[in-house]
Amino acid sequence: MSRGRSIAFVLLFLSGAATASGQQAEGAPDSTSGTGLDAASAVEQLRPAPADFWTSLRRIILPRQVSLVYDLRSFIAAQRPLNPRSREGDLRRLDAIYLHAVYLAEGDPYLALFALSFATLPYHTFPARIPLFNFGITVPVSTESHAAFEQRMENLPGLLLRDSPRSLDRDKLPHFFGSAWLQCVTRNPALVETAGELLETGEEIFKLEGSRDPRDIMVNRLGADFAMALQRHEDVLPSEIFKQSDESIHGHTTHSHR
């Protein structure tokens, strides 16, 4: 995994806009269109996350966007591990997680996408290095216990693309959902693509692990495509967008914006 870490930076900087995005933007799909809810019967049926006193209290005292991230992380951790893994099974899990996020967001796919961008981050902490001073720091990403984090990792889908490696593509999830959310907020595919490129540059500056990966850029564009389909009020699921990318991967081209 290399690139999912970098998208955390842009989400942290943009999180101040989350309150505004919690209300549906102009042209946002309603709770029954453009969310893929009509296809719910075709995806995996997941188990509800256990609720306790602290969960109920958290939902009262925390902002809705933050509470939703916690709820989604708990929900993912409560599922059965994806073992043995298959691409079809992982994509069904992806759709089920997305649909549950929309349900928790009371039909608001924009809020669901924002929360999913954080809830699917496959890191507990990650190291970074401050430029000029060459000073290393550890950036916390999750407040989960290590046990809860490992359980969530076991349950996150990772065989997303036809060429997904054996080490899985879980780091592509925040790229996909983060880019989709940014497209929903800005309604500007060019800006989303530029933000993705800036993330690659930022990773080089802060010495995050890995190098520039064209597959990350492609997944950013898939996320924007998914958001534009939602903005057209289409019933579409994330798995459909990833399956449409198969020809692009083998043709060494990226999925074009429609």
Foldseek 3Di string as FASTA:
>chain_A
DFQLVLLVVVLVVCVVCLVVVLPADVLFAFLPFLQLPVVLVVADDWDQFDDDPVLVVCCVPPPVLVSLLVRLLSRLLPGDFCPPPDQVNLQSLQQNSQVVLCVSSVRGSLSSLSSQLLNLRLDQWFWWAAPPVRHIDIGGRDPDDPVSSVSSVRRHRFSLAPPADPVGHSSLRSLQSVLLNVCSVPVDLVVLLVVQVVSQVVCVNGVGDDHDDVVSSLSSSLSNQSNVSSSVRHNDTSSVSRVVCHVCVVVVHHDDHD
